[in-house]
């Protein structure tokens, strides 16, 4: 069975799984091809509900991505906004000089 992301797990009860399995079995028995796969459903569900995650849950979802992968997912405008914000923070909080003792 494929991995189910943690944010989907609370929504899948044993009873729901049994119902979905039975429907899929009945379709298969009748020879009906269902072009919308469970994998596609999970993908669409996550895209649709990602915005509902807390900041901590979003951080958890991104923890396995590299900085490069995250930056590649952003538009040029989003990257520019981040750059401007970082430069403004650096300018307003310059590094403190260490005193040599």
Protein backbone atom coordinates (compact mmCIF):
# COMPACT_ATOMS: atom_id res chain seq x y z
CA UNK A 1 0.00 0.00 0.00
CA UNK A 2 1.41 3.44 -0.92
CA UNK A 3 2.47 5.87 1.79
CA UNK A 4 -0.32 8.18 2.97
CA UNK A 5 0.92 11.64 4.01
CA UNK A 6 0.24 12.45 7.66
CA UNK A 7 -2.19 15.25 6.78
CA UNK A 8 -4.43 12.76 4.98
CA UNK A 9 -4.34 10.03 7.61
CA UNK A 10 -6.94 11.46 10.05
CA UNK A 11 -9.47 11.62 7.22
CA UNK A 12 -9.18 7.95 6.31
CA UNK A 13 -11.10 5.87 8.80
CA UNK A 14 -11.27 2.09 8.53
CA UNK A 15 -14.93 2.30 7.51
CA UNK A 16 -14.18 4.84 4.76
CA UNK A 17 -11.35 2.68 3.48
CA UNK A 18 -13.64 -0.36 3.36
CA UNK A 19 -16.25 1.57 1.37
CA UNK A 20 -13.70 2.91 -1.11
CA UNK A 21 -12.11 -0.52 -1.50
CA UNK A 22 -15.53 -2.05 -2.20
CA UNK A 23 -16.37 0.58 -4.80
CA UNK A 24 -13.02 0.07 -6.53
CA UNK A 25 -13.53 -3.72 -6.43
CA UNK A 26 -17.02 -3.41 -7.94
CA UNK A 27 -15.75 -1.17 -10.73
CA UNK A 28 -12.92 -3.60 -11.44
CA UNK A 29 -15.32 -6.57 -11.43
CA UNK A 30 -17.51 -4.82 -14.01
CA UNK A 31 -14.47 -4.08 -16.15
CA UNK A 32 -14.91 -0.32 -15.76
CA UNK A 33 -11.68 1.60 -16.05
CA UNK A 34 -11.50 4.53 -13.68
CA UNK A 35 -9.00 6.99 -15.16
CA UNK A 36 -8.76 9.08 -11.98
CA UNK A 37 -6.38 7.12 -9.78
CA UNK A 38 -5.99 7.27 -6.01
CA UNK A 39 -2.52 8.74 -6.56
CA UNK A 40 -4.06 11.55 -8.64
CA UNK A 41 -6.72 12.09 -5.98
CA UNK A 42 -4.09 12.38 -3.23
CA UNK A 43 -2.09 14.81 -5.33
CA UNK A 44 -5.12 17.00 -6.03
CA UNK A 45 -6.31 16.79 -2.42
CA UNK A 46 -2.96 17.94 -1.04
CA UNK A 47 -2.77 20.81 -3.53
CA UNK A 48 -6.30 21.89 -2.63
CA UNK A 49 -5.87 21.69 1.16
CA UNK A 50 -2.19 22.66 1.59
CA UNK A 51 -3.21 26.23 2.40
CA UNK A 52 -5.13 24.94 5.43
CA UNK A 53 -2.00 23.54 7.08
CA UNK A 54 -0.44 25.32 10.02
CA UNK A 55 3.01 26.86 9.65
CA UNK A 56 4.50 23.91 11.52
CA UNK A 57 2.75 21.41 9.25
CA UNK A 58 3.99 23.26 6.15
CA UNK A 59 7.53 23.26 7.51
CA UNK A 60 7.23 19.51 8.07
CA UNK A 61 6.10 19.07 4.46
CA UNK A 62 9.14 21.00 3.18
CA UNK A 63 11.76 19.50 5.51
CA UNK A 64 13.09 17.05 2.90
CA UNK A 65 13.48 19.69 0.19
CA UNK A 66 16.75 21.50 -0.47
CA UNK A 67 16.89 25.28 -0.55
CA UNK A 68 17.45 25.03 -4.31
CA UNK A 69 14.26 22.97 -4.77
CA UNK A 70 12.25 25.47 -2.74
CA UNK A 71 13.66 28.44 -4.68
CA UNK A 72 12.94 26.70 -8.00
CA UNK A 73 9.29 26.41 -6.97
CA UNK A 74 9.01 30.19 -6.53
CA UNK A 75 8.32 32.66 -9.30
CA UNK A 76 10.91 35.31 -10.18
CA UNK A 77 8.72 37.91 -8.45
CA UNK A 78 8.52 35.86 -5.26
CA UNK A 79 12.30 35.37 -5.22
CA UNK A 80 12.77 39.12 -5.72
CA UNK A 81 10.43 39.90 -2.79
CA UNK A 82 12.42 37.55 -0.55
CA UNK A 83 15.72 39.12 -1.64
CA UNK A 84 14.43 42.63 -0.94
CA UNK A 85 13.13 41.60 2.47
CA UNK A 86 16.42 39.95 3.40
CA UNK A 87 18.46 42.96 2.27
CA UNK A 88 16.18 45.29 4.26
CA UNK A 89 16.63 43.13 7.38
CA UNK A 90 20.42 43.11 6.97
CA UNK A 91 20.46 46.87 6.48
CA UNK A 92 18.32 47.55 9.55
CA UNK A 93 20.22 45.04 11.73
CA UNK A 94 23.88 45.22 10.74
CA UNK A 95 26.17 42.68 12.39
CA UNK A 96 27.56 43.88 15.67
CA UNK A 97 31.29 44.35 15.86
CA UNK A 98 32.97 42.11 18.37
CA UNK A 99 35.21 43.78 20.86
CA UNK A 100 38.59 42.22 21.27
CA UNK A 101 39.61 41.74 24.82
